Amino acid sequence: MTSVVAADPRAPMTSVVAADSRAPMTSVVAAAPPARCALPCDLEGLGAGGTLPAMATAALLVIGNEILSGKVRDTNSPFLAVELRKLGVELERILTIPDDVDLIAKETRALSDAYDFVFTSGGIGPTHDDMTMESIAKAFDRRIVLNQSMFDRMERYSDKPVNEAMKKMAMIPEGAEVLDVGGLWFPIVVVENVHIFPGIPELFEKKFHEIRERFTGVPFQLRKIYVRENESDIADVLNRLLEEFPKLMLGSYPRINEEDYRVLLTLESKDGDYLERATATLASRLPKDAIHRIE
């Protein structure tokens, strides 16, 4: 079983699937929502009295019956988690909900209030079940209006007259920010702190890479230690390490089919010196010959 040992003061991550026949099915991967910080802000120093900028927080709202029914596999969530981590943004909640205007509006507003950045995935096409724009407009009490620049661009890119179904894709919340992404006719629409993305993984990824610099912060640094011992044999060492380095993010991941090691340990911190001290301390406390390699 994979275990994560963390000294984060927030609540541990949990996984919940609600399948009440009377309520829409919802899947959640979440940590307790933090109070939003007015960037930049400071954390208690990780070293001797210094301060570091607090990590910005984010949430992802995945929209679509096809995800909850298992017809389509969500790959946007792990992609975004990895990319935001590289940038210094902590993805603290992933919420998957069905195509329901009121529910999308409710959850969008709640996430917007709780996190610095919100991303949505899915529901912006031309068909009956594409209702993200309408829902987000409702979340912020805005009208849904035709964006003329998007419509004009659609006409330029289309090899046939724009019909009503296509026109729907140019209807966005009034006052929304429109971010041009090179080579793609459909822009990224931003309402407040909510960034609206398509659900198609290739488009989601390409669009994110086009605007990723908007989210740059102070990223975590990572060290990996590959250990030959069983996880249960080193648990006390890990616990003691966290008592000495309470700001360290420490993960312990058993491996079954690896010949050279049994556990992968990951150590993360935004403070490079702090991370190196913790890594050296852990290496010195592990049993002799227990370390296969350190990266």
C-alpha atoms as a PDB file:
ATOM      1  CA  MET A   1       0.000   0.000   0.000  1.00  0.00           C
ATOM      2  CA  THR A   2       1.285   3.411  -0.899  1.00  0.00           C
ATOM      3  CA  SER A   3       1.676   5.746   2.027  1.00  0.00           C
ATOM      4  CA  VAL A   4       2.467   9.409   2.243  1.00  0.00           C
ATOM      5  CA  VAL A   5       4.060  10.885   5.313  1.00  0.00           C
ATOM      6  CA  ALA A   6       3.571  14.634   5.451  1.00  0.00           C
ATOM      7  CA  ALA A   7       3.987  17.379   7.958  1.00  0.00           C
ATOM      8  CA  ASP A   8       1.651  19.723   6.174  1.00  0.00           C
ATOM      9  CA  PRO A   9      -0.535  21.511   8.744  1.00  0.00           C
ATOM     10  CA  ARG A  10      -3.556  21.221   6.492  1.00  0.00           C
ATOM     11  CA  ALA A  11      -5.893  18.244   6.539  1.00  0.00           C
ATOM     12  CA  PRO A  12      -4.661  15.087   4.771  1.00  0.00           C
ATOM     13  CA  MET A  13      -5.831  14.372   1.257  1.00  0.00           C
ATOM     14  CA  THR A  14      -8.909  12.236   0.977  1.00  0.00           C
ATOM     15  CA  SER A  15     -10.832  10.504  -1.775  1.00  0.00           C
ATOM     16  CA  VAL A  16     -14.611  10.502  -1.773  1.00  0.00           C
ATOM     17  CA  VAL A  17     -17.166   9.202  -4.252  1.00  0.00           C
ATOM     18  CA  ALA A  18     -20.791  10.088  -3.576  1.00  0.00           C
ATOM     19  CA  ALA A  19     -23.312   7.904  -5.380  1.00  0.00           C
ATOM     20  CA  ASP A  20     -26.608   8.800  -3.733  1.00  0.00           C
ATOM     21  CA  SER A  21     -29.328   7.941  -6.237  1.00  0.00           C
ATOM     22  CA  ARG A  22     -31.135  11.138  -5.270  1.00  0.00           C
ATOM     23  CA  ALA A  23     -28.159  13.418  -5.898  1.00  0.00           C
ATOM     24  CA  PRO A  24     -25.734  13.928  -8.795  1.00  0.00           C
ATOM     25  CA  MET A  25     -22.715  11.665  -8.626  1.00  0.00           C
ATOM     26  CA  THR A  26     -19.580  13.553  -7.634  1.00  0.00           C
ATOM     27  CA  SER A  27     -15.987  12.468  -7.200  1.00  0.00           C
ATOM     28  CA  VAL A  28     -13.586  14.483  -5.097  1.00  0.00           C
ATOM     29  CA  VAL A  29      -9.876  14.405  -4.407  1.00  0.00           C
ATOM     30  CA  ALA A  30      -9.226  17.183  -1.955  1.00  0.00           C
ATOM     31  CA  ALA A  31      -7.429  18.745   0.891  1.00  0.00           C
ATOM     32  CA  ALA A  32      -9.295  21.053   3.219  1.00  0.00           C
ATOM     33  CA  PRO A  33      -9.674  24.408   1.389  1.00  0.00           C
ATOM     34  CA  PRO A  34      -7.242  26.989   2.697  1.00  0.00           C
ATOM     35  CA  ALA A  35      -7.888  30.644   3.221  1.00  0.00           C
ATOM     36  CA  ARG A  36      -6.909  32.376   0.004  1.00  0.00           C
ATOM     37  CA  CYS A  37      -3.794  34.487   0.247  1.00  0.00           C
ATOM     38  CA  ALA A  38      -3.370  37.872  -1.329  1.00  0.00           C
ATOM     39  CA  LEU A  39      -0.315  37.173  -3.449  1.00  0.00           C
ATOM     40  CA  PRO A  40       2.462  37.611  -2.692  1.00  0.00           C
ATOM     41  CA  CYS A  41       2.282  36.453   0.905  1.00  0.00           C
ATOM     42  CA  ASP A  42       4.702  34.933   3.403  1.00  0.00           C
ATOM     43  CA  LEU A  43       5.019  31.666   5.249  1.00  0.00           C
ATOM     44  CA  GLU A  44       6.936  31.006   8.406  1.00  0.00           C
ATOM     45  CA  GLY A  45      10.595  30.721   7.413  1.00  0.00           C
ATOM     46  CA  LEU A  46      11.844  27.262   6.583  1.00  0.00           C
ATOM     47  CA  GLY A  47      15.402  28.127   7.507  1.00  0.00           C
ATOM     48  CA  ALA A  48      16.738  30.209  10.348  1.00  0.00           C
ATOM     49  CA  GLY A  49      14.281  33.054  10.459  1.00  0.00           C
ATOM     50  CA  GLY A  50      13.817  33.614   6.703  1.00  0.00           C
ATOM     51  CA  THR A  51      10.544  33.847   4.814  1.00  0.00           C
ATOM     52  CA  LEU A  52       9.414  32.383   1.502  1.00  0.00           C
ATOM     53  CA  PRO A  53       6.440  33.312  -0.678  1.00  0.00           C
ATOM     54  CA  ALA A  54       3.429  31.126   0.106  1.00  0.00           C
ATOM     55  CA  MET A  55       2.545  28.633  -2.561  1.00  0.00           C
ATOM     56  CA  ALA A  56      -0.486  29.696  -4.575  1.00  0.00           C
ATOM     57  CA  THR A  57      -3.365  27.231  -4.476  1.00  0.00           C
ATOM     58  CA  ALA A  58      -5.491  25.836  -7.279  1.00  0.00           C
ATOM     59  CA  ALA A  59      -8.491  23.630  -7.913  1.00  0.00           C
ATOM     60  CA  LEU A  60      -9.637  21.758 -11.006  1.00  0.00           C
ATOM     61  CA  LEU A  61     -13.296  21.267 -11.873  1.00  0.00           C
ATOM     62  CA  VAL A  62     -13.725  18.363 -14.311  1.00  0.00           C
ATOM     63  CA  ILE A  63     -17.109  18.517 -16.001  1.00  0.00           C
ATOM     64  CA  GLY A  64     -18.826  15.692 -17.843  1.00  0.00           C
ATOM     65  CA  ASN A  65     -21.105  12.686 -17.488  1.00  0.00           C
ATOM     66  CA  GLU A  66     -18.657  10.763 -19.667  1.00  0.00           C
ATOM     67  CA  ILE A  67     -15.973  10.968 -16.977  1.00  0.00           C
ATOM     68  CA  LEU A  68     -18.236   9.792 -14.154  1.00  0.00           C
ATOM     69  CA  SER A  69     -19.644   6.953 -16.257  1.00  0.00           C
ATOM     70  CA  GLY A  70     -16.198   5.700 -17.189  1.00  0.00           C
ATOM     71  CA  LYS A  71     -16.717   6.197 -20.925  1.00  0.00           C
ATOM     72  CA  VAL A  72     -13.804   8.630 -21.071  1.00  0.00           C
ATOM     73  CA  ARG A  73     -10.706   8.556 -18.888  1.00  0.00           C
ATOM     74  CA  ASP A  74      -9.630  11.838 -17.308  1.00  0.00           C
ATOM     75  CA  THR A  75      -5.982  12.545 -18.084  1.00  0.00           C
ATOM     76  CA  ASN A  76      -6.189  16.308 -17.605  1.00  0.00           C
ATOM     77  CA  SER A  77      -6.096  16.048 -13.807  1.00  0.00           C
ATOM     78  CA  PRO A  78      -2.701  14.322 -13.493  1.00  0.00           C
ATOM     79  CA  PHE A  79      -1.292  16.518 -16.256  1.00  0.00           C
ATOM     80  CA  LEU A  80      -2.335  19.713 -14.487  1.00  0.00           C
ATOM     81  CA  ALA A  81      -1.127  18.477 -11.098  1.00  0.00           C
ATOM     82  CA  VAL A  82       2.361  17.833 -12.470  1.00  0.00           C
ATOM     83  CA  GLU A  83       2.586  21.092 -14.424  1.00  0.00           C
ATOM     84  CA  LEU A  84       1.345  23.304 -11.603  1.00  0.00           C
ATOM     85  CA  ARG A  85       3.748  21.643  -9.179  1.00  0.00           C
ATOM     86  CA  LYS A  86       6.621  22.556 -11.484  1.00  0.00           C
ATOM     87  CA  LEU A  87       5.440  26.156 -11.446  1.00  0.00           C
ATOM     88  CA  GLY A  88       5.056  26.454  -7.690  1.00  0.00           C
ATOM     89  CA  VAL A  89       1.262  26.176  -7.564  1.00  0.00           C
ATOM     90  CA  GLU A  90      -0.309  23.538  -5.344  1.00  0.00           C
ATOM     91  CA  LEU A  91      -3.318  21.753  -6.841  1.00  0.00           C
ATOM     92  CA  GLU A  92      -5.310  21.085  -3.689  1.00  0.00           C
ATOM     93  CA  ARG A  93      -8.631  19.908  -5.043  1.00  0.00           C
ATOM     94  CA  ILE A  94      -9.936  17.950  -8.021  1.00  0.00           C
ATOM     95  CA  LEU A  95     -13.707  17.789  -8.328  1.00  0.00           C
ATOM     96  CA  THR A  96     -15.538  15.815 -11.023  1.00  0.00           C
ATOM     97  CA  ILE A  97     -19.206  16.605 -11.576  1.00  0.00           C
ATOM     98  CA  PRO A  98     -21.914  15.833 -14.159  1.00  0.00           C
ATOM     99  CA  ASP A  99     -23.395  18.116 -16.796  1.00  0.00           C
ATOM    100  CA  ASP A 100     -25.747  20.138 -14.604  1.00  0.00           C
ATOM    101  CA  VAL A 101     -25.928  23.930 -14.874  1.00  0.00           C
ATOM    102  CA  ASP A 102     -26.863  24.626 -11.270  1.00  0.00           C
ATOM    103  CA  LEU A 103     -24.277  22.229  -9.869  1.00  0.00           C
ATOM    104  CA  ILE A 104     -21.499  23.564 -12.107  1.00  0.00           C
ATOM    105  CA  ALA A 105     -22.376  27.132 -11.110  1.00  0.00           C
ATOM    106  CA  LYS A 106     -22.449  26.274  -7.413  1.00  0.00           C
ATOM    107  CA  GLU A 107     -19.128  24.412  -7.410  1.00  0.00           C
ATOM    108  CA  THR A 108     -17.410  26.992  -9.609  1.00  0.00           C
ATOM    109  CA  ARG A 109     -18.271  29.799  -7.228  1.00  0.00           C
ATOM    110  CA  ALA A 110     -17.236  27.783  -4.176  1.00  0.00           C
ATOM    111  CA  LEU A 111     -13.873  26.902  -5.696  1.00  0.00           C
ATOM    112  CA  SER A 112     -13.321  30.456  -6.867  1.00  0.00           C
ATOM    113  CA  ASP A 113     -13.818  31.724  -3.321  1.00  0.00           C
ATOM    114  CA  ALA A 114     -11.492  29.113  -1.794  1.00  0.00           C
ATOM    115  CA  TYR A 115      -8.504  28.968  -4.154  1.00  0.00           C
ATOM    116  CA  ASP A 116      -6.194  31.366  -5.967  1.00  0.00           C
ATOM    117  CA  PHE A 117      -6.660  29.719  -9.372  1.00  0.00           C
ATOM    118  CA  VAL A 118      -9.494  27.579 -10.686  1.00  0.00           C
ATOM    119  CA  PHE A 119      -9.369  25.526 -13.876  1.00  0.00           C
ATOM    120  CA  THR A 120     -12.294  23.856 -15.597  1.00  0.00           C
ATOM    121  CA  SER A 121     -12.093  20.961 -18.031  1.00  0.00           C
ATOM    122  CA  GLY A 122     -14.837  20.103 -20.501  1.00  0.00           C
ATOM    123  CA  GLY A 123     -18.251  21.289 -21.564  1.00  0.00           C
ATOM    124  CA  ILE A 124     -17.402  24.094 -24.018  1.00  0.00           C
ATOM    125  CA  GLY A 125     -18.363  22.491 -27.326  1.00  0.00           C
ATOM    126  CA  PRO A 126     -21.404  23.019 -29.590  1.00  0.00           C
ATOM    127  CA  THR A 127     -23.699  20.233 -28.351  1.00  0.00           C
ATOM    128  CA  HIS A 128     -26.552  20.003 -25.849  1.00  0.00           C
ATOM    129  CA  ASP A 129     -24.359  18.779 -22.993  1.00  0.00           C
ATOM    130  CA  ASP A 130     -21.828  21.601 -23.338  1.00  0.00           C
ATOM    131  CA  MET A 131     -23.005  23.977 -20.647  1.00  0.00           C
ATOM    132  CA  THR A 132     -19.867  25.224 -18.923  1.00  0.00           C
ATOM    133  CA  MET A 133     -20.021  28.803 -20.230  1.00  0.00           C
ATOM    134  CA  GLU A 134     -23.658  29.193 -19.237  1.00  0.00           C
ATOM    135  CA  SER A 135     -22.951  27.719 -15.812  1.00  0.00           C
ATOM    136  CA  ILE A 136     -19.963  29.948 -15.081  1.00  0.00           C
ATOM    137  CA  ALA A 137     -21.917  33.006 -16.169  1.00  0.00           C
ATOM    138  CA  LYS A 138     -24.560  31.995 -13.647  1.00  0.00           C
ATOM    139  CA  ALA A 139     -21.928  31.451 -10.962  1.00  0.00           C
ATOM    140  CA  PHE A 140     -20.891  35.116 -11.180  1.00  0.00           C
ATOM    141  CA  ASP A 141     -24.312  36.609 -11.989  1.00  0.00           C
ATOM    142  CA  ARG A 142     -23.312  37.574 -15.504  1.00  0.00           C
ATOM    143  CA  ARG A 143     -25.126  37.447 -18.796  1.00  0.00           C
ATOM    144  CA  ILE A 144     -24.017  35.072 -21.514  1.00  0.00           C
ATOM    145  CA  VAL A 145     -23.181  37.143 -24.603  1.00  0.00           C
ATOM    146  CA  LEU A 146     -21.734  36.739 -28.081  1.00  0.00           C
ATOM    147  CA  ASN A 147     -18.041  37.585 -28.211  1.00  0.00           C
ATOM    148  CA  GLN A 148     -17.656  39.166 -31.617  1.00  0.00           C
ATOM    149  CA  SER A 149     -13.906  38.609 -31.901  1.00  0.00           C
ATOM    150  CA  MET A 150     -14.353  34.891 -31.230  1.00  0.00           C
ATOM    151  CA  PHE A 151     -17.174  34.729 -33.758  1.00  0.00           C
ATOM    152  CA  ASP A 152     -15.104  36.531 -36.385  1.00  0.00           C
ATOM    153  CA  ARG A 153     -12.192  34.218 -35.788  1.00  0.00           C
ATOM    154  CA  MET A 154     -14.492  31.219 -36.088  1.00  0.00           C
ATOM    155  CA  GLU A 155     -15.652  32.469 -39.472  1.00  0.00           C
ATOM    156  CA  ARG A 156     -12.056  32.859 -40.652  1.00  0.00           C
ATOM    157  CA  TYR A 157     -11.078  29.367 -39.574  1.00  0.00           C
ATOM    158  CA  SER A 158     -14.235  27.610 -40.761  1.00  0.00           C
ATOM    159  CA  ASP A 159     -14.494  26.224 -44.283  1.00  0.00           C
ATOM    160  CA  LYS A 160     -18.292  26.502 -44.189  1.00  0.00           C
ATOM    161  CA  PRO A 161     -20.862  29.025 -42.934  1.00  0.00           C
ATOM    162  CA  VAL A 162     -21.104  29.292 -39.151  1.00  0.00           C
ATOM    163  CA  ASN A 163     -24.319  27.665 -37.927  1.00  0.00           C
ATOM    164  CA  GLU A 164     -26.114  28.103 -34.614  1.00  0.00           C
ATOM    165  CA  ALA A 165     -24.337  25.165 -33.004  1.00  0.00           C
ATOM    166  CA  MET A 166     -20.949  26.661 -33.853  1.00  0.00           C
ATOM    167  CA  LYS A 167     -22.102  30.128 -32.793  1.00  0.00           C
ATOM    168  CA  LYS A 168     -22.801  28.698 -29.330  1.00  0.00           C
ATOM    169  CA  MET A 169     -19.062  28.288 -28.853  1.00  0.00           C
ATOM    170  CA  ALA A 170     -18.621  32.077 -29.102  1.00  0.00           C
ATOM    171  CA  MET A 171     -21.158  32.744 -26.342  1.00  0.00           C
ATOM    172  CA  ILE A 172     -19.249  33.539 -23.135  1.00  0.00           C
ATOM    173  CA  PRO A 173     -19.880  35.255 -19.790  1.00  0.00           C
ATOM    174  CA  GLU A 174     -20.112  39.022 -20.141  1.00  0.00           C
ATOM    175  CA  GLY A 175     -16.896  40.815 -19.229  1.00  0.00           C
ATOM    176  CA  ALA A 176     -14.755  37.686 -19.451  1.00  0.00           C
ATOM    177  CA  GLU A 177     -11.076  37.995 -20.345  1.00  0.00           C
ATOM    178  CA  VAL A 178     -10.158  36.308 -23.617  1.00  0.00           C
ATOM    179  CA  LEU A 179      -6.598  34.962 -23.885  1.00  0.00           C
ATOM    180  CA  ASP A 180      -5.332  34.304 -27.373  1.00  0.00           C
ATOM    181  CA  VAL A 181      -3.411  31.055 -27.811  1.00  0.00           C
ATOM    182  CA  GLY A 182      -1.378  30.893 -30.977  1.00  0.00           C
ATOM    183  CA  GLY A 183      -2.463  28.413 -33.625  1.00  0.00           C
ATOM    184  CA  LEU A 184      -5.823  27.655 -32.008  1.00  0.00           C
ATOM    185  CA  TRP A 185      -8.945  29.541 -33.020  1.00  0.00           C
ATOM    186  CA  PHE A 186     -10.663  28.997 -29.664  1.00  0.00           C
ATOM    187  CA  PRO A 187      -9.071  31.138 -26.925  1.00  0.00           C
ATOM    188  CA  ILE A 188      -8.919  30.557 -23.195  1.00  0.00           C
ATOM    189  CA  VAL A 189     -11.750  32.360 -21.450  1.00  0.00           C
ATOM    190  CA  VAL A 190     -11.125  33.657 -17.931  1.00  0.00           C
ATOM    191  CA  VAL A 191     -13.853  34.809 -15.532  1.00  0.00           C
ATOM    192  CA  GLU A 192     -12.548  36.213 -12.250  1.00  0.00           C
ATOM    193  CA  ASN A 193      -9.924  33.595 -11.314  1.00  0.00           C
ATOM    194  CA  VAL A 194     -11.576  30.770 -13.287  1.00  0.00           C
ATOM    195  CA  HIS A 195      -9.745  29.547 -16.402  1.00  0.00           C
ATOM    196  CA  ILE A 196     -12.008  27.651 -18.805  1.00  0.00           C
ATOM    197  CA  PHE A 197     -10.374  24.818 -20.752  1.00  0.00           C
ATOM    198  CA  PRO A 198     -11.646  22.202 -23.200  1.00  0.00           C
ATOM    199  CA  GLY A 199     -11.840  18.608 -22.066  1.00  0.00           C
ATOM    200  CA  ILE A 200      -9.946  17.143 -25.046  1.00  0.00           C
ATOM    201  CA  PRO A 201      -6.529  16.308 -23.554  1.00  0.00           C
ATOM    202  CA  GLU A 202      -4.491  17.433 -26.558  1.00  0.00           C
ATOM    203  CA  LEU A 203      -6.182  20.846 -26.520  1.00  0.00           C
ATOM    204  CA  PHE A 204      -6.125  21.141 -22.738  1.00  0.00           C
ATOM    205  CA  GLU A 205      -2.380  20.536 -22.670  1.00  0.00           C
ATOM    206  CA  LYS A 206      -1.539  22.780 -25.608  1.00  0.00           C
ATOM    207  CA  LYS A 207      -3.594  25.657 -24.231  1.00  0.00           C
ATOM    208  CA  PHE A 208      -2.090  25.324 -20.777  1.00  0.00           C
ATOM    209  CA  HIS A 209       1.447  25.434 -22.131  1.00  0.00           C
ATOM    210  CA  GLU A 210       0.571  28.646 -23.990  1.00  0.00           C
ATOM    211  CA  ILE A 211      -0.315  30.485 -20.761  1.00  0.00           C
ATOM    212  CA  ARG A 212       1.663  28.576 -18.132  1.00  0.00           C
ATOM    213  CA  GLU A 213       3.837  31.581 -17.275  1.00  0.00           C
ATOM    214  CA  ARG A 214       0.788  33.303 -15.768  1.00  0.00           C
ATOM    215  CA  PHE A 215       1.037  30.888 -12.843  1.00  0.00           C
ATOM    216  CA  THR A 216       4.776  30.915 -12.160  1.00  0.00           C
ATOM    217  CA  GLY A 217       5.701  30.966  -8.481  1.00  0.00           C
ATOM    218  CA  VAL A 218       8.441  29.409  -6.346  1.00  0.00           C
ATOM    219  CA  PRO A 219       8.445  25.700  -7.193  1.00  0.00           C
ATOM    220  CA  PHE A 220       9.203  22.811  -4.902  1.00  0.00           C
ATOM    221  CA  GLN A 221      12.586  21.135  -5.197  1.00  0.00           C
ATOM    222  CA  LEU A 222      12.664  17.346  -5.111  1.00  0.00           C
ATOM    223  CA  ARG A 223      15.111  14.684  -3.945  1.00  0.00           C
ATOM    224  CA  LYS A 224      14.552  10.933  -4.277  1.00  0.00           C
ATOM    225  CA  ILE A 225      16.059   8.182  -2.151  1.00  0.00           C
ATOM    226  CA  TYR A 226      15.735   4.554  -3.294  1.00  0.00           C
ATOM    227  CA  VAL A 227      15.804   2.260  -0.266  1.00  0.00           C
ATOM    228  CA  ARG A 228      16.354  -1.499  -0.061  1.00  0.00           C
ATOM    229  CA  GLU A 229      14.560  -1.853   3.294  1.00  0.00           C
ATOM    230  CA  ASN A 230      10.874  -2.594   3.825  1.00  0.00           C
ATOM    231  CA  GLU A 231       8.710   0.421   4.568  1.00  0.00           C
ATOM    232  CA  SER A 232       7.806  -0.851   8.029  1.00  0.00           C
ATOM    233  CA  ASP A 233      11.487  -1.085   8.925  1.00  0.00           C
ATOM    234  CA  ILE A 234      12.138   2.602   8.250  1.00  0.00           C
ATOM    235  CA  ALA A 235       8.858   4.140   9.453  1.00  0.00           C
ATOM    236  CA  ASP A 236      10.341   5.277  12.776  1.00  0.00           C
ATOM    237  CA  VAL A 237      13.235   6.960  10.982  1.00  0.00           C
ATOM    238  CA  LEU A 238      10.796   8.864   8.772  1.00  0.00           C
ATOM    239  CA  ASN A 239       8.669   9.955  11.700  1.00  0.00           C
ATOM    240  CA  ARG A 240      11.686  11.257  13.589  1.00  0.00           C
ATOM    241  CA  LEU A 241      12.868  13.127  10.501  1.00  0.00           C
ATOM    242  CA  LEU A 242       9.564  15.000  10.312  1.00  0.00           C
ATOM    243  CA  GLU A 243       9.822  15.973  13.950  1.00  0.00           C
ATOM    244  CA  GLU A 244      13.106  17.680  13.119  1.00  0.00           C
ATOM    245  CA  PHE A 245      12.006  19.031   9.713  1.00  0.00           C
ATOM    246  CA  PRO A 246       8.283  19.801  10.129  1.00  0.00           C
ATOM    247  CA  LYS A 247       7.997  21.766   6.864  1.00  0.00           C
ATOM    248  CA  LEU A 248       9.314  18.900   4.761  1.00  0.00           C
ATOM    249  CA  MET A 249       6.965  17.121   2.358  1.00  0.00           C
ATOM    250  CA  LEU A 250       7.961  13.471   2.663  1.00  0.00           C
ATOM    251  CA  GLY A 251       6.491  10.655   0.594  1.00  0.00           C
ATOM    252  CA  SER A 252       7.054   6.905   0.992  1.00  0.00           C
ATOM    253  CA  TYR A 253       6.114   4.639  -1.916  1.00  0.00           C
ATOM    254  CA  PRO A 254       6.650   0.849  -1.721  1.00  0.00           C
ATOM    255  CA  ARG A 255       7.613  -0.973  -4.920  1.00  0.00           C
ATOM    256  CA  ILE A 256       6.853  -4.623  -5.549  1.00  0.00           C
ATOM    257  CA  ASN A 257       8.542  -5.567  -8.805  1.00  0.00           C
ATOM    258  CA  GLU A 258      11.788  -3.617  -8.497  1.00  0.00           C
ATOM    259  CA  GLU A 259      14.904  -5.743  -8.104  1.00  0.00           C
ATOM    260  CA  ASP A 260      17.191  -3.076  -6.655  1.00  0.00           C
ATOM    261  CA  TYR A 261      15.005  -1.318  -4.097  1.00  0.00           C
ATOM    262  CA  ARG A 262      11.782  -1.734  -2.114  1.00  0.00           C
ATOM    263  CA  VAL A 263      10.765   1.826  -1.236  1.00  0.00           C
ATOM    264  CA  LEU A 264      11.032   5.146  -3.047  1.00  0.00           C
ATOM    265  CA  LEU A 265      11.264   8.109  -0.676  1.00  0.00           C
ATOM    266  CA  THR A 266      10.575  11.616  -1.988  1.00  0.00           C
ATOM    267  CA  LEU A 267      11.573  14.772  -0.136  1.00  0.00           C
ATOM    268  CA  GLU A 268      10.244  18.153  -1.224  1.00  0.00           C
ATOM    269  CA  SER A 269      10.723  21.728  -0.088  1.00  0.00           C
ATOM    270  CA  LYS A 270      10.781  25.207  -1.605  1.00  0.00           C
ATOM    271  CA  ASP A 271      13.945  25.913   0.379  1.00  0.00           C
ATOM    272  CA  GLY A 272      16.934  24.215  -1.249  1.00  0.00           C
ATOM    273  CA  ASP A 273      19.181  24.375   1.833  1.00  0.00           C
ATOM    274  CA  TYR A 274      16.416  22.991   4.033  1.00  0.00           C
ATOM    275  CA  LEU A 275      15.904  20.145   1.579  1.00  0.00           C
ATOM    276  CA  GLU A 276      19.598  19.283   1.452  1.00  0.00           C
ATOM    277  CA  ARG A 277      19.857  19.224   5.239  1.00  0.00           C
ATOM    278  CA  ALA A 278      16.844  16.953   5.517  1.00  0.00           C
ATOM    279  CA  THR A 279      18.150  14.647   2.798  1.00  0.00           C
ATOM    280  CA  ALA A 280      21.571  14.365   4.447  1.00  0.00           C
ATOM    281  CA  THR A 281      19.978  13.736   7.839  1.00  0.00           C
ATOM    282  CA  LEU A 282      17.739  10.992   6.495  1.00  0.00           C
ATOM    283  CA  ALA A 283      20.594   9.336   4.608  1.00  0.00           C
ATOM    284  CA  SER A 284      22.686   9.254   7.788  1.00  0.00           C
ATOM    285  CA  ARG A 285      19.897   7.633   9.812  1.00  0.00           C
ATOM    286  CA  LEU A 286      18.905   4.870   7.429  1.00  0.00           C
ATOM    287  CA  PRO A 287      20.394   1.424   8.097  1.00  0.00           C
ATOM    288  CA  LYS A 288      23.829   0.713   6.689  1.00  0.00           C
ATOM    289  CA  ASP A 289      23.730  -0.305   2.993  1.00  0.00           C
ATOM    290  CA  ALA A 290      19.999   0.528   2.856  1.00  0.00           C
ATOM    291  CA  ILE A 291      20.350   3.195   0.180  1.00  0.00           C
ATOM    292  CA  HIS A 292      20.411   2.028  -3.420  1.00  0.00           C
ATOM    293  CA  ARG A 293      20.833   5.542  -4.823  1.00  0.00           C
ATOM    294  CA  ILE A 294      19.912   9.187  -4.271  1.00  0.00           C
ATOM    295  CA  GLU A 295      18.687  11.510  -7.016  1.00  0.00           C
END
